[in-house]
Protein backbone atom coordinates (compact mmCIF):
# COMPACT_ATOMS: atom_id res chain seq x y z
CA MET A 1 74.38 24.56 103.60
CA ARG A 2 75.39 26.95 100.83
CA ARG A 3 71.98 28.62 100.97
CA SER A 4 72.14 29.14 104.75
CA VAL A 5 75.61 30.66 104.43
CA MET A 6 74.43 33.04 101.72
CA THR A 7 71.38 33.95 103.81
CA ALA A 8 73.58 34.73 106.82
CA VAL A 9 75.86 36.90 104.68
CA MET A 10 72.91 38.77 103.21
CA MET A 11 71.48 39.35 106.68
CA ALA A 12 74.82 40.66 107.91
CA VAL A 13 75.05 43.02 104.94
CA SER A 14 71.49 44.21 105.61
CA VAL A 15 72.29 44.92 109.26
CA VAL A 16 75.38 46.94 108.31
CA ALA A 17 73.44 48.84 105.65
CA ALA A 18 70.65 49.60 108.11
CA ALA A 19 73.16 50.87 110.67
CA GLN A 20 74.80 53.09 108.06
CA ALA A 21 71.42 54.43 106.98
CA ALA A 22 70.51 55.23 110.59
CA GLU A 23 73.81 57.06 111.05
CA LEU A 24 73.26 59.13 107.90
CA MET A 25 69.71 59.82 108.96
CA ALA A 26 70.84 61.06 112.34
CA ASP A 27 73.36 63.44 110.74
CA GLU A 28 70.69 64.66 108.33
CA ILE A 29 68.21 65.29 111.14
CA VAL A 30 70.77 67.24 113.15
CA ALA A 31 71.71 69.29 110.08
CA LYS A 32 68.06 70.13 109.45
CA ALA A 33 67.60 71.05 113.11
CA ASN A 34 70.62 73.34 112.98
CA ASP A 35 69.27 74.96 109.82
CA ALA A 36 65.83 75.50 111.36
CA SER A 37 67.31 76.92 114.58
CA TYR A 38 69.93 79.31 113.19
CA TYR A 39 69.38 79.91 109.46
CA ALA A 40 65.81 81.23 109.07
CA GLY A 41 66.04 83.85 106.34
CA ASP A 42 69.27 85.49 105.18
CA ASP A 43 69.43 87.68 108.27
CA GLY A 44 67.32 88.62 111.28
CA ARG A 45 66.71 90.87 114.26
CA ALA A 46 65.00 90.28 117.61
CA THR A 47 64.48 92.04 120.92
CA VAL A 48 65.25 89.73 123.83
CA SER A 49 64.24 89.81 127.49
CA MET A 50 66.19 87.51 129.79
CA SER A 51 64.91 86.60 133.26
CA LEU A 52 67.09 84.80 135.78
CA SER A 53 65.65 82.75 138.63
CA ASP A 54 67.51 84.90 141.18
CA GLY A 55 65.49 87.95 140.10
CA ARG A 56 68.03 89.56 137.79
CA SER A 57 67.23 90.45 134.19
CA ARG A 58 68.91 91.45 130.94
CA ASP A 59 67.39 93.20 127.92
CA PHE A 60 69.20 93.17 124.60
CA VAL A 61 68.87 93.19 120.83
CA ILE A 62 70.40 90.48 118.65
CA LEU A 63 71.25 90.73 114.96
CA ARG A 64 72.22 87.85 112.68
CA LYS A 65 73.55 87.79 109.13
CA ASP A 66 74.44 84.76 107.01
CA VAL A 67 77.57 84.85 104.88
CA PRO A 68 76.63 83.92 101.29
CA GLY A 69 77.95 80.67 99.88
CA GLY A 70 78.24 78.58 103.02
CA LEU A 71 77.33 78.13 106.68
CA ASP A 72 79.37 81.02 108.09
CA GLN A 73 77.35 83.58 110.07
CA LYS A 74 77.80 86.78 112.05
CA PHE A 75 75.98 87.76 115.26
CA TYR A 76 75.83 91.08 117.07
CA VAL A 77 74.30 91.49 120.54
CA TYR A 78 73.72 94.89 122.18
CA PHE A 79 72.61 95.18 125.82
CA LYS A 80 70.14 97.88 126.83
CA ALA A 81 69.44 97.08 130.49
CA PRO A 82 70.06 96.92 133.41
CA ALA A 83 72.70 99.50 134.22
CA ASP A 84 75.51 97.01 134.94
CA VAL A 85 75.40 95.63 131.37
CA ARG A 86 73.99 98.63 129.48
CA LYS A 87 75.95 99.43 126.27
CA MET A 88 77.82 96.14 126.49
CA SER A 89 78.08 94.45 123.09
CA TYR A 90 79.04 91.00 121.87
CA LEU A 91 80.18 89.97 118.39
CA VAL A 92 80.51 86.48 116.91
CA HIS A 93 81.95 85.38 113.58
CA LYS A 94 80.76 81.79 113.30
CA ARG A 95 82.87 79.53 111.08
CA PRO A 96 81.67 75.90 111.19
CA GLY A 97 84.61 73.51 111.15
CA LYS A 98 86.89 76.12 112.73
CA ASP A 99 87.00 78.03 116.00
CA ASP A 100 84.53 80.93 116.08
CA ASP A 101 85.83 84.45 116.61
CA ARG A 102 84.15 86.16 119.59
CA TRP A 103 84.57 89.64 121.06
CA LEU A 104 82.96 91.31 124.09
CA PHE A 105 82.97 95.08 124.66
CA LEU A 106 82.98 96.15 128.33
CA PRO A 107 81.96 99.83 128.42
CA ALA A 108 82.90 100.35 132.08
CA LEU A 109 86.52 99.55 131.15
CA ASN A 110 86.31 100.80 127.56
CA LEU A 111 87.79 97.43 126.68
CA VAL A 112 87.21 95.02 123.80
CA LYS A 113 87.94 91.53 125.10
CA ARG A 114 88.62 88.57 122.85
CA ILE A 115 86.83 85.46 124.09
CA ALA A 116 89.05 82.39 123.81
CA PRO A 117 87.63 79.29 122.09
CA GLY A 118 87.87 77.41 125.37
CA ASP A 119 85.57 79.93 127.06
CA LYS A 120 82.62 79.40 124.72
CA ARG A 121 80.94 77.09 127.21
CA THR A 122 81.05 79.57 130.07
CA SER A 123 78.15 81.66 131.39
CA PHE A 124 76.70 84.28 129.06
CA VAL A 125 76.50 87.53 131.10
CA GLY A 126 75.94 85.67 134.36
CA SER A 127 72.98 83.62 133.12
CA ASP A 128 72.43 79.88 132.70
CA PHE A 129 72.87 80.30 128.94
CA LEU A 130 76.36 79.84 127.53
CA TYR A 131 78.24 81.89 124.94
CA GLU A 132 77.98 78.89 122.62
CA ASP A 133 74.17 78.95 122.87
CA VAL A 134 74.01 82.28 121.05
CA SER A 135 75.41 81.02 117.75
CA GLY A 136 75.06 77.25 118.18
CA ARG A 137 77.38 74.27 118.44
CA GLY A 138 79.26 73.01 115.39
CA LEU A 139 77.70 69.95 113.76
CA ASN A 140 81.05 68.20 113.37
CA GLU A 141 81.98 68.56 117.03
CA ASP A 142 79.81 65.57 118.00
CA THR A 143 78.80 62.15 116.74
CA HIS A 144 75.05 61.74 116.37
CA GLU A 145 72.89 58.67 116.90
CA LEU A 146 69.16 58.37 116.31
CA VAL A 147 68.01 56.48 119.39
CA GLU A 148 64.24 56.78 119.06
CA THR A 149 61.56 57.93 116.65
CA THR A 150 58.12 58.78 118.03
CA GLU A 151 55.00 59.88 116.19
CA THR A 152 56.01 63.53 116.48
CA GLN A 153 59.72 63.64 117.31
CA TYR A 154 63.20 62.37 116.53
CA VAL A 155 65.35 61.64 119.59
CA VAL A 156 69.08 62.03 118.87
CA ASN A 157 71.95 61.33 121.25
CA ASN A 158 75.14 63.32 120.74
CA VAL A 159 78.63 62.52 122.03
CA PRO A 160 81.53 65.00 121.79
CA LYS A 161 84.43 63.95 119.59
CA ASP A 162 86.82 65.77 121.92
CA PRO A 163 85.53 64.96 125.43
CA GLY A 164 88.27 66.98 127.09
CA SER A 165 87.07 70.23 125.50
CA VAL A 166 83.61 70.22 127.12
CA GLU A 167 82.07 69.66 130.53
CA PHE A 168 79.44 67.15 129.37
CA ALA A 169 79.68 63.46 128.43
CA SER A 170 76.69 63.48 126.07
CA TYR A 171 73.40 65.21 125.38
CA THR A 172 70.08 64.07 123.96
CA VAL A 173 67.88 66.29 121.78
CA TRP A 174 64.16 65.90 121.03
CA ILE A 175 63.46 67.33 117.56
CA ASP A 176 60.02 68.01 116.07
CA LYS A 177 59.35 66.07 112.89
CA ASP A 178 57.26 68.82 111.30
CA THR A 179 59.49 71.86 111.97
CA PHE A 180 62.85 70.20 112.79
CA LEU A 181 63.13 72.61 115.71
CA PRO A 182 64.67 71.13 118.87
CA ARG A 183 62.11 71.12 121.68
CA LYS A 184 64.35 69.87 124.47
CA ALA A 185 67.99 68.98 125.11
CA GLU A 186 69.29 67.21 128.21
CA TYR A 187 72.99 67.11 129.12
CA LEU A 188 74.71 64.41 131.16
CA ASP A 189 77.89 65.08 133.10
CA LYS A 190 80.98 62.86 133.18
CA ASN A 191 79.26 60.63 135.76
CA GLY A 192 76.22 60.12 133.54
CA LYS A 193 74.00 62.38 135.66
CA LEU A 194 71.58 64.95 134.26
CA TYR A 195 72.87 68.44 135.04
CA ARG A 196 71.51 70.78 132.33
CA ARG A 197 68.28 71.09 130.36
CA VAL A 198 67.42 73.46 127.48
CA SER A 199 63.85 73.72 126.21
CA SER A 200 61.79 75.71 123.71
CA GLU A 201 58.69 76.71 125.65
CA LYS A 202 56.86 78.54 122.83
CA ILE A 203 57.09 78.39 119.04
CA GLN A 204 55.36 80.64 116.50
CA THR A 205 55.47 80.81 112.72
CA LEU A 206 56.75 84.24 111.65
CA GLN A 207 57.18 85.24 108.00
CA GLY A 208 56.79 81.56 107.17
CA TYR A 209 59.56 80.42 109.55
CA PRO A 210 58.76 78.33 112.68
CA THR A 211 60.49 80.36 115.39
CA PRO A 212 61.14 79.75 119.12
CA THR A 213 59.79 82.79 120.99
CA GLU A 214 60.52 81.56 124.50
CA GLN A 215 63.37 79.34 125.67
CA LYS A 216 64.49 78.13 129.07
CA VAL A 217 67.76 76.77 130.43
CA GLU A 218 67.85 74.91 133.74
CA ASP A 219 71.02 74.20 135.66
CA VAL A 220 69.72 71.09 137.37
CA ALA A 221 72.85 70.69 139.48
CA ARG A 222 72.67 74.22 140.96
CA GLY A 223 68.89 74.58 140.94
CA THR A 224 68.90 77.78 138.85
CA SER A 225 67.21 78.68 135.57
CA THR A 226 67.07 81.42 132.94
CA THR A 227 64.22 82.18 130.55
CA ILE A 228 64.51 84.30 127.42
CA THR A 229 61.60 85.78 125.50
CA PHE A 230 61.97 86.98 121.89
CA SER A 231 59.82 89.78 120.45
CA GLU A 232 59.84 92.12 117.45
CA ILE A 233 61.35 89.32 115.38
CA LYS A 234 62.02 90.15 111.74
CA TYR A 235 63.76 88.22 108.97
CA ASP A 236 65.31 89.25 105.66
CA ILE A 237 65.74 92.92 106.57
CA GLY A 238 68.92 93.53 104.57
CA LEU A 239 71.46 94.12 107.35
CA ASN A 240 74.70 95.78 106.28
CA ASP A 241 77.79 93.61 106.70
CA ARG A 242 79.76 96.51 108.21
CA ILE A 243 77.67 96.23 111.40
CA PHE A 244 79.41 92.99 112.28
CA THR A 245 82.89 94.43 112.82
CA GLU A 246 84.92 95.36 115.89
CA ARG A 247 84.44 99.04 115.05
CA PHE A 248 80.74 98.82 115.96
CA LEU A 249 81.32 97.19 119.32
CA ARG A 250 82.11 100.62 120.78
CA ARG A 251 79.76 102.54 118.48
CA PRO A 252 76.53 100.53 118.18
CA PRO A 253 74.53 100.95 114.95
CA ARG A 254 71.00 102.34 114.86
CA GLU A 255 69.69 98.85 114.08
CA VAL A 256 70.16 97.99 117.78
CA THR A 257 69.76 101.35 119.50
CA GLN A 258 66.35 102.26 118.07
């Protein structure tokens, strides 16, 4: 009797330990995926072509610089075409664990607009991408659960800690085991129905970093989609920190105009 009780206790402890290990593993996988997606090199530059399913397009340059000593980052986006968005610029100061600072310069109005934290999950320049997609979602904003492991991928389900702050109930991400790059993410609405899908269509290794060179977002509910293609990608180019200030929203640096 004593032995069976001890066995039951040991089994219960093993189950709890296994659950805790799975939880830690899920957090670790998500952290590695975030690192692979947004922290390749100390900084970077890319030319981006965006194609919307309704025939519209956007061409822009994006710069990224990591802040030494932590996970803070800065992003600068400068639009080159078409005419309705030309010379528009967008600046992000990403501060994991806190609200990001975001600014948008509208040249037609000569106005620098501060983007409120609650607007980060709204459309990015009329596309199916969101403002939050540019710099990424904070790791601590969701709880993560490893729901499946295949031969090539980790499948992680994510649930927002503050459901009222977002439009989705949960989202599942398929992450490559070899590169830790997310290959697909599917979002469920409050009714548990699929309404949004994000996928990496092409990945190349550039300067030693596995890099998505084509991504697609589908708004399943509306039947629209947006594809972005990255080219002229360079890492570790020594970007000056002064670029990532409000001053350069109106006066873009040569790093984006050339």
